[in-house]
C-alpha atoms as a PDB file:
ATOM      1  CA  UNK A   1    -112.218 -33.551  60.223  1.00  0.00           C
ATOM      2  CA  UNK A   2    -111.429 -35.887  63.070  1.00  0.00           C
ATOM      3  CA  UNK A   3    -108.914 -38.695  63.238  1.00  0.00           C
ATOM      4  CA  UNK A   4    -111.175 -40.435  65.738  1.00  0.00           C
ATOM      5  CA  UNK A   5    -112.168 -43.867  64.598  1.00  0.00           C
ATOM      6  CA  UNK A   6    -115.864 -44.710  64.337  1.00  0.00           C
ATOM      7  CA  UNK A   7    -117.434 -48.100  64.750  1.00  0.00           C
ATOM      8  CA  UNK A   8    -116.592 -50.370  61.815  1.00  0.00           C
ATOM      9  CA  UNK A   9    -118.067 -49.427  58.478  1.00  0.00           C
ATOM     10  CA  UNK A  10    -120.001 -51.823  56.268  1.00  0.00           C
ATOM     11  CA  UNK A  11    -119.040 -52.139  52.581  1.00  0.00           C
ATOM     12  CA  UNK A  12    -122.081 -50.041  51.648  1.00  0.00           C
ATOM     13  CA  UNK A  13    -121.107 -47.353  54.150  1.00  0.00           C
ATOM     14  CA  UNK A  14    -117.598 -47.313  52.661  1.00  0.00           C
ATOM     15  CA  UNK A  15    -119.125 -46.504  49.263  1.00  0.00           C
ATOM     16  CA  UNK A  16    -120.970 -43.518  50.712  1.00  0.00           C
ATOM     17  CA  UNK A  17    -117.873 -42.366  52.606  1.00  0.00           C
ATOM     18  CA  UNK A  18    -115.785 -42.478  49.415  1.00  0.00           C
ATOM     19  CA  UNK A  19    -118.242 -40.081  47.770  1.00  0.00           C
ATOM     20  CA  UNK A  20    -118.109 -37.728  50.753  1.00  0.00           C
ATOM     21  CA  UNK A  21    -114.293 -37.865  50.969  1.00  0.00           C
ATOM     22  CA  UNK A  22    -113.980 -37.132  47.268  1.00  0.00           C
ATOM     23  CA  UNK A  23    -116.786 -34.602  46.789  1.00  0.00           C
ATOM     24  CA  UNK A  24    -118.408 -33.580  50.088  1.00  0.00           C
ATOM     25  CA  UNK A  25    -120.114 -31.758  51.650  1.00  0.00           C
ATOM     26  CA  UNK A  26    -123.152 -32.878  49.725  1.00  0.00           C
ATOM     27  CA  UNK A  27    -126.906 -33.157  49.978  1.00  0.00           C
ATOM     28  CA  UNK A  28    -128.254 -36.714  50.118  1.00  0.00           C
ATOM     29  CA  UNK A  29    -129.519 -36.443  46.518  1.00  0.00           C
ATOM     30  CA  UNK A  30    -126.012 -35.513  45.359  1.00  0.00           C
ATOM     31  CA  UNK A  31    -124.496 -38.453  47.240  1.00  0.00           C
ATOM     32  CA  UNK A  32    -127.107 -40.675  45.587  1.00  0.00           C
ATOM     33  CA  UNK A  33    -126.257 -39.277  42.141  1.00  0.00           C
ATOM     34  CA  UNK A  34    -122.501 -39.804  42.594  1.00  0.00           C
ATOM     35  CA  UNK A  35    -122.684 -43.420  43.730  1.00  0.00           C
ATOM     36  CA  UNK A  36    -121.707 -46.047  41.133  1.00  0.00           C
ATOM     37  CA  UNK A  37    -124.671 -46.980  38.937  1.00  0.00           C
ATOM     38  CA  UNK A  38    -124.114 -50.712  39.399  1.00  0.00           C
ATOM     39  CA  UNK A  39    -125.229 -50.357  43.021  1.00  0.00           C
ATOM     40  CA  UNK A  40    -128.799 -49.616  41.925  1.00  0.00           C
ATOM     41  CA  UNK A  41    -129.640 -48.406  45.394  1.00  0.00           C
ATOM     42  CA  UNK A  42    -132.852 -46.539  46.014  1.00  0.00           C
ATOM     43  CA  UNK A  43    -132.589 -42.967  47.283  1.00  0.00           C
ATOM     44  CA  UNK A  44    -134.118 -44.138  50.578  1.00  0.00           C
ATOM     45  CA  UNK A  45    -131.267 -46.658  50.972  1.00  0.00           C
ATOM     46  CA  UNK A  46    -128.723 -43.861  50.645  1.00  0.00           C
ATOM     47  CA  UNK A  47    -130.599 -41.805  53.248  1.00  0.00           C
ATOM     48  CA  UNK A  48    -130.545 -44.826  55.584  1.00  0.00           C
ATOM     49  CA  UNK A  49    -126.803 -45.274  55.053  1.00  0.00           C
ATOM     50  CA  UNK A  50    -126.208 -41.594  55.777  1.00  0.00           C
ATOM     51  CA  UNK A  51    -128.262 -41.887  58.983  1.00  0.00           C
ATOM     52  CA  UNK A  52    -126.200 -44.887  60.082  1.00  0.00           C
ATOM     53  CA  UNK A  53    -122.987 -43.019  59.374  1.00  0.00           C
ATOM     54  CA  UNK A  54    -124.229 -40.047  61.410  1.00  0.00           C
ATOM     55  CA  UNK A  55    -125.088 -42.418  64.284  1.00  0.00           C
ATOM     56  CA  UNK A  56    -121.565 -43.891  64.069  1.00  0.00           C
ATOM     57  CA  UNK A  57    -120.151 -40.357  64.172  1.00  0.00           C
ATOM     58  CA  UNK A  58    -118.442 -40.941  60.822  1.00  0.00           C
ATOM     59  CA  UNK A  59    -120.532 -38.238  59.121  1.00  0.00           C
ATOM     60  CA  UNK A  60    -121.763 -34.860  60.330  1.00  0.00           C
ATOM     61  CA  UNK A  61    -124.330 -32.638  58.677  1.00  0.00           C
ATOM     62  CA  UNK A  62    -125.328 -29.008  58.516  1.00  0.00           C
ATOM     63  CA  UNK A  63    -128.893 -27.910  57.948  1.00  0.00           C
ATOM     64  CA  UNK A  64    -129.211 -25.392  55.139  1.00  0.00           C
ATOM     65  CA  UNK A  65    -132.834 -24.321  54.794  1.00  0.00           C
ATOM     66  CA  UNK A  66    -134.863 -27.500  54.327  1.00  0.00           C
ATOM     67  CA  UNK A  67    -131.853 -29.496  53.210  1.00  0.00           C
ATOM     68  CA  UNK A  68    -128.951 -31.213  54.943  1.00  0.00           C
ATOM     69  CA  UNK A  69    -125.363 -31.126  53.724  1.00  0.00           C
ATOM     70  CA  UNK A  70    -123.441 -34.234  54.760  1.00  0.00           C
ATOM     71  CA  UNK A  71    -119.671 -34.256  55.244  1.00  0.00           C
ATOM     72  CA  UNK A  72    -117.148 -36.817  56.379  1.00  0.00           C
ATOM     73  CA  UNK A  73    -116.375 -36.402  60.067  1.00  0.00           C
ATOM     74  CA  UNK A  74    -113.401 -38.743  59.989  1.00  0.00           C
ATOM     75  CA  UNK A  75    -110.324 -38.774  57.828  1.00  0.00           C
ATOM     76  CA  UNK A  76    -110.003 -41.460  55.183  1.00  0.00           C
ATOM     77  CA  UNK A  77    -106.671 -42.468  56.793  1.00  0.00           C
ATOM     78  CA  UNK A  78    -108.285 -43.070  60.181  1.00  0.00           C
ATOM     79  CA  UNK A  79    -111.073 -45.185  58.707  1.00  0.00           C
ATOM     80  CA  UNK A  80    -108.575 -47.167  56.651  1.00  0.00           C
ATOM     81  CA  UNK A  81    -106.348 -47.768  59.684  1.00  0.00           C
ATOM     82  CA  UNK A  82    -109.313 -49.032  61.658  1.00  0.00           C
ATOM     83  CA  UNK A  83    -110.379 -51.322  58.827  1.00  0.00           C
ATOM     84  CA  UNK A  84    -106.873 -52.777  58.505  1.00  0.00           C
ATOM     85  CA  UNK A  85    -106.658 -53.206  62.278  1.00  0.00           C
ATOM     86  CA  UNK A  86    -109.983 -55.064  62.197  1.00  0.00           C
ATOM     87  CA  UNK A  87    -108.762 -57.389  59.450  1.00  0.00           C
ATOM     88  CA  UNK A  88    -105.550 -58.018  61.346  1.00  0.00           C
ATOM     89  CA  UNK A  89    -107.471 -58.754  64.557  1.00  0.00           C
ATOM     90  CA  UNK A  90    -109.732 -61.230  62.750  1.00  0.00           C
ATOM     91  CA  UNK A  91    -107.033 -63.003  60.734  1.00  0.00           C
ATOM     92  CA  UNK A  92    -103.890 -62.922  62.817  1.00  0.00           C
ATOM     93  CA  UNK A  93    -103.521 -65.102  65.856  1.00  0.00           C
ATOM     94  CA  UNK A  94     -99.783 -65.090  66.478  1.00  0.00           C
ATOM     95  CA  UNK A  95     -97.584 -63.600  63.769  1.00  0.00           C
ATOM     96  CA  UNK A  96     -98.677 -60.903  61.376  1.00  0.00           C
ATOM     97  CA  UNK A  97     -95.788 -61.270  58.930  1.00  0.00           C
ATOM     98  CA  UNK A  98     -97.448 -63.995  56.772  1.00  0.00           C
ATOM     99  CA  UNK A  99    -100.537 -61.800  56.365  1.00  0.00           C
ATOM    100  CA  UNK A 100     -98.463 -58.720  55.551  1.00  0.00           C
ATOM    101  CA  UNK A 101     -96.375 -60.745  53.095  1.00  0.00           C
ATOM    102  CA  UNK A 102     -99.583 -61.909  51.392  1.00  0.00           C
ATOM    103  CA  UNK A 103    -100.879 -58.347  51.076  1.00  0.00           C
ATOM    104  CA  UNK A 104     -97.570 -57.258  49.541  1.00  0.00           C
ATOM    105  CA  UNK A 105     -97.558 -60.168  47.100  1.00  0.00           C
ATOM    106  CA  UNK A 106    -101.119 -59.419  45.975  1.00  0.00           C
ATOM    107  CA  UNK A 107    -100.756 -55.629  45.777  1.00  0.00           C
ATOM    108  CA  UNK A 108     -99.869 -53.862  42.541  1.00  0.00           C
ATOM    109  CA  UNK A 109     -97.304 -51.487  44.058  1.00  0.00           C
ATOM    110  CA  UNK A 110     -95.498 -48.675  42.276  1.00  0.00           C
ATOM    111  CA  UNK A 111     -91.780 -48.116  42.810  1.00  0.00           C
ATOM    112  CA  UNK A 112     -92.639 -45.129  45.003  1.00  0.00           C
ATOM    113  CA  UNK A 113     -94.996 -47.218  47.155  1.00  0.00           C
ATOM    114  CA  UNK A 114     -92.328 -49.914  47.529  1.00  0.00           C
ATOM    115  CA  UNK A 115     -89.769 -47.294  48.652  1.00  0.00           C
ATOM    116  CA  UNK A 116     -92.271 -45.909  51.171  1.00  0.00           C
ATOM    117  CA  UNK A 117     -92.967 -49.383  52.586  1.00  0.00           C
ATOM    118  CA  UNK A 118     -89.239 -50.041  52.853  1.00  0.00           C
ATOM    119  CA  UNK A 119     -88.746 -46.750  54.746  1.00  0.00           C
ATOM    120  CA  UNK A 120     -91.580 -47.679  57.109  1.00  0.00           C
ATOM    121  CA  UNK A 121     -90.100 -51.114  57.762  1.00  0.00           C
ATOM    122  CA  UNK A 122     -86.652 -49.605  58.340  1.00  0.00           C
ATOM    123  CA  UNK A 123     -88.201 -47.124  60.806  1.00  0.00           C
ATOM    124  CA  UNK A 124     -90.022 -49.962  62.557  1.00  0.00           C
ATOM    125  CA  UNK A 125     -86.696 -51.808  62.931  1.00  0.00           C
ATOM    126  CA  UNK A 126     -85.001 -48.685  64.372  1.00  0.00           C
ATOM    127  CA  UNK A 127     -87.901 -48.112  66.786  1.00  0.00           C
ATOM    128  CA  UNK A 128     -87.763 -51.721  67.933  1.00  0.00           C
ATOM    129  CA  UNK A 129     -83.993 -51.522  68.514  1.00  0.00           C
ATOM    130  CA  UNK A 130     -84.518 -48.308  70.473  1.00  0.00           C
ATOM    131  CA  UNK A 131     -86.976 -50.065  72.791  1.00  0.00           C
ATOM    132  CA  UNK A 132     -84.549 -52.888  73.621  1.00  0.00           C
END
């Protein structure tokens, strides 16, 4: 699986990717069956989404007989990083700290997640001091 970042993913494409990250490789019918029922997407819609993801190089497939098995071609981390970077680019003009503070305020973080964020911020501070 690659850490390369594909073109941005639509919300619908994210749903398909989640299924592939959690359960892939899968045939299109299996992806369709594992999607949340509230979506009420037609099978053809799922096939279209898979085709778009292949075109974006986010999904690869292997032909097995008359069927295709689809698998995520990018890591969930890489796609998430790109999505966050896109949000930051759209919302932040000068300082990112108000946006980050808002995310932290809104997030339901465990003690472990808070410790990890603190370690990352401490590392960021050390890196910044090292660059000065």
